[in-house]
């Protein structure tokens, strides 16, 4: 029987890279834009326009979905380290939430 671990491990690794390098920048830009404390080039209207275009939607989808898969795998390993040995249930719940978040992010990005 083949294992599905390489698939989840690759999503975890890619998500970790995105979460470490891209998410902090996006969070700061979004926070500052919300308070109107950014240059005109990063105004809400321009950021919304970027998110409304197909390249922006694709980039945001990749960032959000990979971050969700990274978080799901990180929680699975953390709970295992804390002594929760119901690995199958934790995996189903965690990866299920990541899959749901991926589908919802696609839905909301397509609605922009």
PDB file of N, CA and C in Angstrom:
ATOM      1  N   UNK A   1       0.846  -1.176   0.000  1.00  0.00           N
ATOM      2  CA  UNK A   1       0.000   0.000   0.000  1.00  0.00           C
ATOM      3  C   UNK A   1       0.894   1.242   0.000  1.00  0.00           C
ATOM      4  N   UNK A   2       0.594   2.177  -0.874  1.00  0.00           N
ATOM      5  CA  UNK A   2       1.383   3.399  -0.959  1.00  0.00           C
ATOM      6  C   UNK A   2       0.943   4.387   0.110  1.00  0.00           C
ATOM      7  N   UNK A   3       1.905   5.166   0.577  1.00  0.00           N
ATOM      8  CA  UNK A   3       1.626   6.171   1.602  1.00  0.00           C
ATOM      9  C   UNK A   3       1.299   7.505   0.949  1.00  0.00           C
ATOM     10  N   UNK A   4       0.450   8.272   1.599  1.00  0.00           N
ATOM     11  CA  UNK A   4       0.136   9.619   1.107  1.00  0.00           C
ATOM     12  C   UNK A   4       0.957  10.684   1.833  1.00  0.00           C
ATOM     13  N   UNK A   5       1.907  10.260   2.664  1.00  0.00           N
ATOM     14  CA  UNK A   5       2.711  11.209   3.426  1.00  0.00           C
ATOM     15  C   UNK A   5       3.522  12.161   2.547  1.00  0.00           C
ATOM     16  N   UNK A   6       4.120  11.717   1.431  1.00  0.00           N
ATOM     17  CA  UNK A   6       4.878  12.671   0.618  1.00  0.00           C
ATOM     18  C   UNK A   6       4.022  13.841   0.109  1.00  0.00           C
ATOM     19  N   UNK A   7       2.774  13.571  -0.219  1.00  0.00           N
ATOM     20  CA  UNK A   7       1.890  14.638  -0.676  1.00  0.00           C
ATOM     21  C   UNK A   7       1.683  15.667   0.426  1.00  0.00           C
ATOM     22  N   UNK A   8       1.331  15.214   1.621  1.00  0.00           N
ATOM     23  CA  UNK A   8       1.088  16.147   2.715  1.00  0.00           C
ATOM     24  C   UNK A   8       2.380  16.810   3.175  1.00  0.00           C
ATOM     25  N   UNK A   9       3.480  16.082   3.118  1.00  0.00           N
ATOM     26  CA  UNK A   9       4.752  16.666   3.523  1.00  0.00           C
ATOM     27  C   UNK A   9       5.161  17.781   2.562  1.00  0.00           C
ATOM     28  N   UNK A  10       4.933  17.597   1.256  1.00  0.00           N
ATOM     29  CA  UNK A  10       5.291  18.647   0.295  1.00  0.00           C
ATOM     30  C   UNK A  10       4.425  19.885   0.490  1.00  0.00           C
ATOM     31  N   UNK A  11       3.139  19.692   0.776  1.00  0.00           N
ATOM     32  CA  UNK A  11       2.271  20.840   1.050  1.00  0.00           C
ATOM     33  C   UNK A  11       2.707  21.551   2.323  1.00  0.00           C
ATOM     34  N   UNK A  12       3.135  20.771   3.331  1.00  0.00           N
ATOM     35  CA  UNK A  12       3.616  21.343   4.587  1.00  0.00           C
ATOM     36  C   UNK A  12       4.876  22.169   4.350  1.00  0.00           C
ATOM     37  N   UNK A  13       5.819  21.634   3.602  1.00  0.00           N
ATOM     38  CA  UNK A  13       7.076  22.333   3.358  1.00  0.00           C
ATOM     39  C   UNK A  13       6.865  23.609   2.545  1.00  0.00           C
ATOM     40  N   UNK A  14       6.057  23.523   1.494  1.00  0.00           N
ATOM     41  CA  UNK A  14       5.782  24.721   0.689  1.00  0.00           C
ATOM     42  C   UNK A  14       5.014  25.751   1.507  1.00  0.00           C
ATOM     43  N   UNK A  15       4.075  25.287   2.302  1.00  0.00           N
ATOM     44  CA  UNK A  15       3.306  26.192   3.152  1.00  0.00           C
ATOM     45  C   UNK A  15       4.154  26.859   4.210  1.00  0.00           C
ATOM     46  N   UNK A  16       5.130  26.131   4.741  1.00  0.00           N
ATOM     47  CA  UNK A  16       6.029  26.714   5.730  1.00  0.00           C
ATOM     48  C   UNK A  16       6.866  27.832   5.137  1.00  0.00           C
ATOM     49  N   UNK A  17       7.320  27.632   3.921  1.00  0.00           N
ATOM     50  CA  UNK A  17       8.096  28.669   3.237  1.00  0.00           C
ATOM     51  C   UNK A  17       7.228  29.897   2.987  1.00  0.00           C
ATOM     52  N   UNK A  18       6.032  29.687   2.500  1.00  0.00           N
ATOM     53  CA  UNK A  18       5.114  30.807   2.247  1.00  0.00           C
ATOM     54  C   UNK A  18       4.752  31.505   3.554  1.00  0.00           C
ATOM     55  N   UNK A  19       4.449  30.719   4.574  1.00  0.00           N
ATOM     56  CA  UNK A  19       4.054  31.306   5.857  1.00  0.00           C
ATOM     57  C   UNK A  19       5.192  32.117   6.473  1.00  0.00           C
ATOM     58  N   UNK A  20       6.418  31.678   6.294  1.00  0.00           N
ATOM     59  CA  UNK A  20       7.553  32.378   6.893  1.00  0.00           C
ATOM     60  C   UNK A  20       7.935  33.649   6.150  1.00  0.00           C
ATOM     61  N   UNK A  21       7.841  33.640   4.832  1.00  0.00           N
ATOM     62  CA  UNK A  21       8.352  34.761   4.054  1.00  0.00           C
ATOM     63  C   UNK A  21       7.285  35.708   3.516  1.00  0.00           C
ATOM     64  N   UNK A  22       6.121  35.197   3.179  1.00  0.00           N
ATOM     65  CA  UNK A  22       5.121  36.020   2.502  1.00  0.00           C
ATOM     66  C   UNK A  22       4.023  36.510   3.440  1.00  0.00           C
ATOM     67  N   UNK A  23       3.530  35.632   4.305  1.00  0.00           N
ATOM     68  CA  UNK A  23       2.400  36.005   5.159  1.00  0.00           C
ATOM     69  C   UNK A  23       2.668  37.215   6.057  1.00  0.00           C
ATOM     70  N   UNK A  24       3.831  37.337   6.698  1.00  0.00           N
ATOM     71  CA  UNK A  24       4.045  38.531   7.528  1.00  0.00           C
ATOM     72  C   UNK A  24       3.961  39.831   6.731  1.00  0.00           C
ATOM     73  N   UNK A  25       4.494  39.823   5.526  1.00  0.00           N
ATOM     74  CA  UNK A  25       4.444  41.017   4.683  1.00  0.00           C
ATOM     75  C   UNK A  25       3.004  41.331   4.299  1.00  0.00           C
ATOM     76  N   UNK A  26       2.255  40.314   3.886  1.00  0.00           N
ATOM     77  CA  UNK A  26       0.853  40.535   3.522  1.00  0.00           C
ATOM     78  C   UNK A  26       0.035  41.025   4.711  1.00  0.00           C
ATOM     79  N   UNK A  27       0.299  40.480   5.884  1.00  0.00           N
ATOM     80  CA  UNK A  27      -0.441  40.910   7.068  1.00  0.00           C
ATOM     81  C   UNK A  27      -0.152  42.371   7.409  1.00  0.00           C
ATOM     82  N   UNK A  28       1.095  42.774   7.351  1.00  0.00           N
ATOM     83  CA  UNK A  28       1.450  44.169   7.655  1.00  0.00           C
ATOM     84  C   UNK A  28       0.848  45.111   6.615  1.00  0.00           C
ATOM     85  N   UNK A  29       0.951  44.759   5.342  1.00  0.00           N
ATOM     86  CA  UNK A  29       0.388  45.615   4.288  1.00  0.00           C
ATOM     87  C   UNK A  29      -1.120  45.741   4.453  1.00  0.00           C
ATOM     88  N   UNK A  30      -1.791  44.620   4.718  1.00  0.00           N
ATOM     89  CA  UNK A  30      -3.243  44.649   4.884  1.00  0.00           C
ATOM     90  C   UNK A  30      -3.645  45.460   6.110  1.00  0.00           C
ATOM     91  N   UNK A  31      -2.933  45.284   7.200  1.00  0.00           N
ATOM     92  CA  UNK A  31      -3.229  46.034   8.416  1.00  0.00           C
ATOM     93  C   UNK A  31      -3.026  47.531   8.198  1.00  0.00           C
ATOM     94  N   UNK A  32      -1.908  47.896   7.611  1.00  0.00           N
ATOM     95  CA  UNK A  32      -1.641  49.317   7.353  1.00  0.00           C
ATOM     96  C   UNK A  32      -2.632  49.906   6.357  1.00  0.00           C
ATOM     97  N   UNK A  33      -3.002  49.131   5.341  1.00  0.00           N
ATOM     98  CA  UNK A  33      -3.976  49.620   4.362  1.00  0.00           C
ATOM     99  C   UNK A  33      -5.332  49.833   5.021  1.00  0.00           C
ATOM    100  N   UNK A  34      -5.689  48.983   5.952  1.00  0.00           N
ATOM    101  CA  UNK A  34      -6.961  49.127   6.662  1.00  0.00           C
ATOM    102  C   UNK A  34      -7.036  50.408   7.472  1.00  0.00           C
ATOM    103  N   UNK A  35      -5.891  50.855   7.972  1.00  0.00           N
ATOM    104  CA  UNK A  35      -5.848  52.089   8.758  1.00  0.00           C
ATOM    105  C   UNK A  35      -5.466  53.304   7.916  1.00  0.00           C
ATOM    106  N   UNK A  36      -5.298  53.117   6.615  1.00  0.00           N
ATOM    107  CA  UNK A  36      -4.970  54.226   5.727  1.00  0.00           C
ATOM    108  C   UNK A  36      -3.564  54.759   5.920  1.00  0.00           C
ATOM    109  N   UNK A  37      -2.642  53.919   6.392  1.00  0.00           N
ATOM    110  CA  UNK A  37      -1.289  54.364   6.706  1.00  0.00           C
ATOM    111  C   UNK A  37      -0.265  53.856   5.696  1.00  0.00           C
ATOM    112  N   UNK A  38      -0.644  53.730   4.450  1.00  0.00           N
ATOM    113  CA  UNK A  38       0.277  53.248   3.425  1.00  0.00           C
ATOM    114  C   UNK A  38       0.304  54.223   2.259  1.00  0.00           C
ATOM    115  N   UNK A  39       1.323  54.152   1.430  1.00  0.00           N
ATOM    116  CA  UNK A  39       1.352  55.008   0.237  1.00  0.00           C
ATOM    117  C   UNK A  39       0.191  54.685  -0.695  1.00  0.00           C
ATOM    118  N   UNK A  40      -0.073  55.575  -1.592  1.00  0.00           N
ATOM    119  CA  UNK A  40      -1.184  55.411  -2.537  1.00  0.00           C
ATOM    120  C   UNK A  40      -1.043  54.118  -3.346  1.00  0.00           C
ATOM    121  N   UNK A  41       0.182  53.711  -3.610  1.00  0.00           N
ATOM    122  CA  UNK A  41       0.408  52.490  -4.386  1.00  0.00           C
ATOM    123  C   UNK A  41      -0.134  51.252  -3.672  1.00  0.00           C
ATOM    124  N   UNK A  42      -0.273  51.317  -2.351  1.00  0.00           N
ATOM    125  CA  UNK A  42      -0.791  50.192  -1.577  1.00  0.00           C
ATOM    126  C   UNK A  42      -2.144  50.498  -0.949  1.00  0.00           C
ATOM    127  N   UNK A  43      -2.890  51.386  -1.558  1.00  0.00           N
ATOM    128  CA  UNK A  43      -4.206  51.735  -1.030  1.00  0.00           C
ATOM    129  C   UNK A  43      -5.160  50.552  -1.160  1.00  0.00           C
ATOM    130  N   UNK A  44      -6.246  50.619  -0.424  1.00  0.00           N
ATOM    131  CA  UNK A  44      -7.237  49.542  -0.460  1.00  0.00           C
ATOM    132  C   UNK A  44      -7.746  49.310  -1.870  1.00  0.00           C
ATOM    133  N   UNK A  45      -8.019  50.366  -2.577  1.00  0.00           N
ATOM    134  CA  UNK A  45      -8.559  50.240  -3.932  1.00  0.00           C
ATOM    135  C   UNK A  45      -7.590  49.500  -4.843  1.00  0.00           C
ATOM    136  N   UNK A  46      -6.302  49.828  -4.736  1.00  0.00           N
ATOM    137  CA  UNK A  46      -5.312  49.152  -5.578  1.00  0.00           C
ATOM    138  C   UNK A  46      -5.115  47.698  -5.160  1.00  0.00           C
ATOM    139  N   UNK A  47      -5.090  47.458  -3.857  1.00  0.00           N
ATOM    140  CA  UNK A  47      -4.960  46.073  -3.403  1.00  0.00           C
ATOM    141  C   UNK A  47      -6.173  45.245  -3.815  1.00  0.00           C
ATOM    142  N   UNK A  48      -7.348  45.844  -3.762  1.00  0.00           N
ATOM    143  CA  UNK A  48      -8.563  45.150  -4.197  1.00  0.00           C
ATOM    144  C   UNK A  48      -8.499  44.877  -5.696  1.00  0.00           C
ATOM    145  N   UNK A  49      -7.961  45.822  -6.449  1.00  0.00           N
ATOM    146  CA  UNK A  49      -7.818  45.617  -7.890  1.00  0.00           C
ATOM    147  C   UNK A  49      -6.840  44.479  -8.184  1.00  0.00           C
ATOM    148  N   UNK A  50      -5.773  44.382  -7.403  1.00  0.00           N
ATOM    149  CA  UNK A  50      -4.819  43.281  -7.584  1.00  0.00           C
ATOM    150  C   UNK A  50      -5.508  41.954  -7.282  1.00  0.00           C
ATOM    151  N   UNK A  51      -6.270  41.911  -6.202  1.00  0.00           N
ATOM    152  CA  UNK A  51      -6.975  40.681  -5.839  1.00  0.00           C
ATOM    153  C   UNK A  51      -8.078  40.351  -6.839  1.00  0.00           C
ATOM    154  N   UNK A  52      -8.557  41.340  -7.567  1.00  0.00           N
ATOM    155  CA  UNK A  52      -9.615  41.107  -8.539  1.00  0.00           C
ATOM    156  C   UNK A  52      -9.119  40.566  -9.864  1.00  0.00           C
ATOM    157  N   UNK A  53      -7.828  40.726 -10.149  1.00  0.00           N
ATOM    158  CA  UNK A  53      -7.266  40.205 -11.400  1.00  0.00           C
ATOM    159  C   UNK A  53      -6.850  38.753 -11.246  1.00  0.00           C
ATOM    160  N   UNK A  54      -6.780  38.035 -12.358  1.00  0.00           N
ATOM    161  CA  UNK A  54      -6.457  36.609 -12.300  1.00  0.00           C
ATOM    162  C   UNK A  54      -5.076  36.324 -11.722  1.00  0.00           C
ATOM    163  N   UNK A  55      -4.021  37.080 -12.069  1.00  0.00           N
ATOM    164  CA  UNK A  55      -2.725  36.788 -11.434  1.00  0.00           C
ATOM    165  C   UNK A  55      -2.776  36.971  -9.911  1.00  0.00           C
ATOM    166  N   UNK A  56      -3.449  38.007  -9.449  1.00  0.00           N
ATOM    167  CA  UNK A  56      -3.581  38.242  -8.017  1.00  0.00           C
ATOM    168  C   UNK A  56      -4.375  37.151  -7.333  1.00  0.00           C
ATOM    169  N   UNK A  57      -5.452  36.707  -7.981  1.00  0.00           N
ATOM    170  CA  UNK A  57      -6.259  35.631  -7.412  1.00  0.00           C
ATOM    171  C   UNK A  57      -5.450  34.345  -7.270  1.00  0.00           C
ATOM    172  N   UNK A  58      -4.662  34.047  -8.288  1.00  0.00           N
ATOM    173  CA  UNK A  58      -3.861  32.824  -8.248  1.00  0.00           C
ATOM    174  C   UNK A  58      -2.823  32.899  -7.140  1.00  0.00           C
ATOM    175  N   UNK A  59      -2.136  34.030  -7.045  1.00  0.00           N
ATOM    176  CA  UNK A  59      -1.111  34.195  -6.011  1.00  0.00           C
ATOM    177  C   UNK A  59      -1.738  34.115  -4.620  1.00  0.00           C
ATOM    178  N   UNK A  60      -2.843  34.817  -4.404  1.00  0.00           N
ATOM    179  CA  UNK A  60      -3.508  34.779  -3.097  1.00  0.00           C
ATOM    180  C   UNK A  60      -4.019  33.383  -2.763  1.00  0.00           C
ATOM    181  N   UNK A  61      -4.544  32.681  -3.765  1.00  0.00           N
ATOM    182  CA  UNK A  61      -5.019  31.322  -3.536  1.00  0.00           C
ATOM    183  C   UNK A  61      -3.874  30.409  -3.104  1.00  0.00           C
ATOM    184  N   UNK A  62      -2.752  30.502  -3.776  1.00  0.00           N
ATOM    185  CA  UNK A  62      -1.595  29.674  -3.433  1.00  0.00           C
ATOM    186  C   UNK A  62      -1.110  30.001  -2.020  1.00  0.00           C
ATOM    187  N   UNK A  63      -1.031  31.291  -1.696  1.00  0.00           N
ATOM    188  CA  UNK A  63      -0.552  31.702  -0.376  1.00  0.00           C
ATOM    189  C   UNK A  63      -1.486  31.194   0.719  1.00  0.00           C
ATOM    190  N   UNK A  64      -2.777  31.403   0.559  1.00  0.00           N
ATOM    191  CA  UNK A  64      -3.741  31.005   1.590  1.00  0.00           C
ATOM    192  C   UNK A  64      -3.803  29.484   1.722  1.00  0.00           C
ATOM    193  N   UNK A  65      -3.915  28.783   0.605  1.00  0.00           N
ATOM    194  CA  UNK A  65      -4.077  27.334   0.687  1.00  0.00           C
ATOM    195  C   UNK A  65      -2.822  26.653   1.222  1.00  0.00           C
ATOM    196  N   UNK A  66      -1.644  27.067   0.786  1.00  0.00           N
ATOM    197  CA  UNK A  66      -0.430  26.443   1.309  1.00  0.00           C
ATOM    198  C   UNK A  66      -0.240  26.738   2.793  1.00  0.00           C
ATOM    199  N   UNK A  67      -0.608  27.927   3.230  1.00  0.00           N
ATOM    200  CA  UNK A  67      -0.519  28.254   4.656  1.00  0.00           C
ATOM    201  C   UNK A  67      -1.472  27.390   5.472  1.00  0.00           C
ATOM    202  N   UNK A  68      -2.663  27.127   4.948  1.00  0.00           N
ATOM    203  CA  UNK A  68      -3.618  26.256   5.642  1.00  0.00           C
ATOM    204  C   UNK A  68      -3.086  24.831   5.763  1.00  0.00           C
ATOM    205  N   UNK A  69      -2.502  24.298   4.687  1.00  0.00           N
ATOM    206  CA  UNK A  69      -1.968  22.942   4.730  1.00  0.00           C
ATOM    207  C   UNK A  69      -0.773  22.859   5.675  1.00  0.00           C
ATOM    208  N   UNK A  70       0.030  23.905   5.715  1.00  0.00           N
ATOM    209  CA  UNK A  70       1.152  23.938   6.655  1.00  0.00           C
ATOM    210  C   UNK A  70       0.634  23.911   8.092  1.00  0.00           C
ATOM    211  N   UNK A  71      -0.347  24.732   8.380  1.00  0.00           N
ATOM    212  CA  UNK A  71      -0.902  24.789   9.733  1.00  0.00           C
ATOM    213  C   UNK A  71      -1.532  23.453  10.129  1.00  0.00           C
ATOM    214  N   UNK A  72      -2.215  22.796   9.200  1.00  0.00           N
ATOM    215  CA  UNK A  72      -2.844  21.508   9.508  1.00  0.00           C
ATOM    216  C   UNK A  72      -1.790  20.467   9.883  1.00  0.00           C
ATOM    217  N   UNK A  73      -0.726  20.409   9.119  1.00  0.00           N
ATOM    218  CA  UNK A  73       0.302  19.411   9.420  1.00  0.00           C
ATOM    219  C   UNK A  73       1.050  19.771  10.703  1.00  0.00           C
ATOM    220  N   UNK A  74       1.276  21.062  10.929  1.00  0.00           N
ATOM    221  CA  UNK A  74       1.956  21.505  12.157  1.00  0.00           C
ATOM    222  C   UNK A  74       1.110  21.147  13.383  1.00  0.00           C
ATOM    223  N   UNK A  75      -0.193  21.346  13.295  1.00  0.00           N
ATOM    224  CA  UNK A  75      -1.076  20.989  14.419  1.00  0.00           C
ATOM    225  C   UNK A  75      -1.088  19.480  14.637  1.00  0.00           C
ATOM    226  N   UNK A  76      -1.072  18.715  13.560  1.00  0.00           N
ATOM    227  CA  UNK A  76      -1.068  17.249  13.687  1.00  0.00           C
ATOM    228  C   UNK A  76       0.171  16.786  14.430  1.00  0.00           C
ATOM    229  N   UNK A  77       1.328  17.289  14.030  1.00  0.00           N
ATOM    230  CA  UNK A  77       2.555  16.857  14.696  1.00  0.00           C
ATOM    231  C   UNK A  77       2.644  17.404  16.121  1.00  0.00           C
ATOM    232  N   UNK A  78       2.129  18.598  16.355  1.00  0.00           N
ATOM    233  CA  UNK A  78       2.153  19.163  17.706  1.00  0.00           C
ATOM    234  C   UNK A  78       1.258  18.365  18.646  1.00  0.00           C
ATOM    235  N   UNK A  79       0.071  18.008  18.189  1.00  0.00           N
ATOM    236  CA  UNK A  79      -0.834  17.214  19.027  1.00  0.00           C
ATOM    237  C   UNK A  79      -0.262  15.827  19.299  1.00  0.00           C
ATOM    238  N   UNK A  80       0.417  15.270  18.327  1.00  0.00           N
ATOM    239  CA  UNK A  80       1.060  13.972  18.540  1.00  0.00           C
ATOM    240  C   UNK A  80       2.158  14.109  19.591  1.00  0.00           C
ATOM    241  N   UNK A  81       2.926  15.186  19.517  1.00  0.00           N
ATOM    242  CA  UNK A  81       3.972  15.432  20.499  1.00  0.00           C
ATOM    243  C   UNK A  81       3.435  15.677  21.893  1.00  0.00           C
ATOM    244  N   UNK A  82       2.220  16.192  21.983  1.00  0.00           N
ATOM    245  CA  UNK A  82       1.599  16.433  23.283  1.00  0.00           C
ATOM    246  C   UNK A  82       0.930  15.190  23.857  1.00  0.00           C
ATOM    247  N   UNK A  83       0.961  14.095  23.109  1.00  0.00           N
ATOM    248  CA  UNK A  83       0.442  12.839  23.637  1.00  0.00           C
ATOM    249  C   UNK A  83      -0.891  12.402  23.069  1.00  0.00           C
ATOM    250  N   UNK A  84      -1.486  13.164  22.175  1.00  0.00           N
ATOM    251  CA  UNK A  84      -2.743  12.756  21.552  1.00  0.00           C
ATOM    252  C   UNK A  84      -2.419  11.737  20.468  1.00  0.00           C
ATOM    253  N   UNK A  85      -2.771  10.505  20.700  1.00  0.00           N
ATOM    254  CA  UNK A  85      -2.382   9.421  19.794  1.00  0.00           C
ATOM    255  C   UNK A  85      -3.482   9.021  18.811  1.00  0.00           C
ATOM    256  N   UNK A  86      -4.543   9.764  18.737  1.00  0.00           N
ATOM    257  CA  UNK A  86      -5.610   9.489  17.761  1.00  0.00           C
ATOM    258  C   UNK A  86      -5.224  10.134  16.432  1.00  0.00           C
ATOM    259  N   UNK A  87      -4.115   9.648  15.865  1.00  0.00           N
ATOM    260  CA  UNK A  87      -3.529  10.297  14.695  1.00  0.00           C
ATOM    261  C   UNK A  87      -4.467  10.324  13.497  1.00  0.00           C
ATOM    262  N   UNK A  88      -5.191   9.263  13.276  1.00  0.00           N
ATOM    263  CA  UNK A  88      -6.094   9.213  12.114  1.00  0.00           C
ATOM    264  C   UNK A  88      -7.197  10.266  12.237  1.00  0.00           C
ATOM    265  N   UNK A  89      -7.791  10.383  13.407  1.00  0.00           N
ATOM    266  CA  UNK A  89      -8.857  11.374  13.604  1.00  0.00           C
ATOM    267  C   UNK A  89      -8.310  12.800  13.499  1.00  0.00           C
ATOM    268  N   UNK A  90      -7.135  13.022  14.067  1.00  0.00           N
ATOM    269  CA  UNK A  90      -6.514  14.349  13.995  1.00  0.00           C
ATOM    270  C   UNK A  90      -6.187  14.686  12.553  1.00  0.00           C
ATOM    271  N   UNK A  91      -5.654  13.728  11.813  1.00  0.00           N
ATOM    272  CA  UNK A  91      -5.317  13.948  10.411  1.00  0.00           C
ATOM    273  C   UNK A  91      -6.565  14.259   9.588  1.00  0.00           C
ATOM    274  N   UNK A  92      -7.611  13.502   9.796  1.00  0.00           N
ATOM    275  CA  UNK A  92      -8.847  13.732   9.041  1.00  0.00           C
ATOM    276  C   UNK A  92      -9.413  15.112   9.358  1.00  0.00           C
ATOM    277  N   UNK A  93      -9.442  15.470  10.637  1.00  0.00           N
ATOM    278  CA  UNK A  93      -9.976  16.781  11.025  1.00  0.00           C
ATOM    279  C   UNK A  93      -9.097  17.916  10.503  1.00  0.00           C
ATOM    280  N   UNK A  94      -7.800  17.813  10.728  1.00  0.00           N
ATOM    281  CA  UNK A  94      -6.893  18.889  10.321  1.00  0.00           C
ATOM    282  C   UNK A  94      -6.836  19.083   8.821  1.00  0.00           C
ATOM    283  N   UNK A  95      -6.632  17.988   8.094  1.00  0.00           N
ATOM    284  CA  UNK A  95      -6.559  18.100   6.641  1.00  0.00           C
ATOM    285  C   UNK A  95      -7.929  18.400   6.041  1.00  0.00           C
ATOM    286  N   UNK A  96      -8.983  17.964   6.710  1.00  0.00           N
ATOM    287  CA  UNK A  96     -10.331  18.317   6.252  1.00  0.00           C
ATOM    288  C   UNK A  96     -10.585  19.811   6.364  1.00  0.00           C
ATOM    289  N   UNK A  97     -10.139  20.401   7.479  1.00  0.00           N
ATOM    290  CA  UNK A  97     -10.293  21.848   7.647  1.00  0.00           C
ATOM    291  C   UNK A  97      -9.452  22.595   6.622  1.00  0.00           C
ATOM    292  N   UNK A  98      -8.231  22.099   6.364  1.00  0.00           N
ATOM    293  CA  UNK A  98      -7.383  22.732   5.348  1.00  0.00           C
ATOM    294  C   UNK A  98      -8.022  22.629   3.967  1.00  0.00           C
ATOM    295  N   UNK A  99      -8.607  21.486   3.660  1.00  0.00           N
ATOM    296  CA  UNK A  99      -9.277  21.319   2.369  1.00  0.00           C
ATOM    297  C   UNK A  99     -10.494  22.238   2.265  1.00  0.00           C
ATOM    298  N   UNK A 100     -11.269  22.334   3.337  1.00  0.00           N
ATOM    299  CA  UNK A 100     -12.425  23.223   3.346  1.00  0.00           C
ATOM    300  C   UNK A 100     -11.985  24.684   3.177  1.00  0.00           C
ATOM    301  N   UNK A 101     -10.945  25.072   3.893  1.00  0.00           N
ATOM    302  CA  UNK A 101     -10.428  26.434   3.752  1.00  0.00           C
ATOM    303  C   UNK A 101      -9.919  26.723   2.358  1.00  0.00           C
ATOM    304  N   UNK A 102      -9.313  25.719   1.732  1.00  0.00           N
ATOM    305  CA  UNK A 102      -8.835  25.874   0.359  1.00  0.00           C
ATOM    306  C   UNK A 102     -10.008  26.103  -0.590  1.00  0.00           C
ATOM    307  N   UNK A 103     -11.050  25.300  -0.428  1.00  0.00           N
ATOM    308  CA  UNK A 103     -12.235  25.447  -1.289  1.00  0.00           C
ATOM    309  C   UNK A 103     -12.911  26.798  -1.036  1.00  0.00           C
ATOM    310  N   UNK A 104     -13.027  27.196   0.226  1.00  0.00           N
ATOM    311  CA  UNK A 104     -13.661  28.479   0.541  1.00  0.00           C
ATOM    312  C   UNK A 104     -12.840  29.663   0.027  1.00  0.00           C
ATOM    313  N   UNK A 105     -11.524  29.572   0.116  1.00  0.00           N
ATOM    314  CA  UNK A 105     -10.706  30.666  -0.399  1.00  0.00           C
ATOM    315  C   UNK A 105     -10.869  30.777  -1.915  1.00  0.00           C
ATOM    316  N   UNK A 106     -10.952  29.649  -2.598  1.00  0.00           N
ATOM    317  CA  UNK A 106     -11.210  29.678  -4.032  1.00  0.00           C
ATOM    318  C   UNK A 106     -12.558  30.313  -4.327  1.00  0.00           C
ATOM    319  N   UNK A 107     -13.563  29.928  -3.563  1.00  0.00           N
ATOM    320  CA  UNK A 107     -14.910  30.479  -3.751  1.00  0.00           C
ATOM    321  C   UNK A 107     -14.919  32.001  -3.571  1.00  0.00           C
ATOM    322  N   UNK A 108     -14.314  32.487  -2.483  1.00  0.00           N
ATOM    323  CA  UNK A 108     -14.331  33.914  -2.200  1.00  0.00           C
ATOM    324  C   UNK A 108     -13.455  34.702  -3.167  1.00  0.00           C
ATOM    325  N   UNK A 109     -12.338  34.123  -3.590  1.00  0.00           N
ATOM    326  CA  UNK A 109     -11.511  34.829  -4.557  1.00  0.00           C
ATOM    327  C   UNK A 109     -12.205  34.930  -5.920  1.00  0.00           C
ATOM    328  N   UNK A 110     -12.945  33.905  -6.295  1.00  0.00           N
ATOM    329  CA  UNK A 110     -13.678  33.968  -7.555  1.00  0.00           C
ATOM    330  C   UNK A 110     -14.830  34.971  -7.492  1.00  0.00           C
ATOM    331  N   UNK A 111     -15.283  35.262  -6.277  1.00  0.00           N
ATOM    332  CA  UNK A 111     -16.394  36.216  -6.113  1.00  0.00           C
ATOM    333  C   UNK A 111     -15.923  37.674  -6.205  1.00  0.00           C
ATOM    334  N   UNK A 112     -14.625  37.906  -6.131  1.00  0.00           N
ATOM    335  CA  UNK A 112     -14.116  39.281  -6.179  1.00  0.00           C
ATOM    336  C   UNK A 112     -14.209  39.795  -7.612  1.00  0.00           C
TER     337      UNK A 112
END
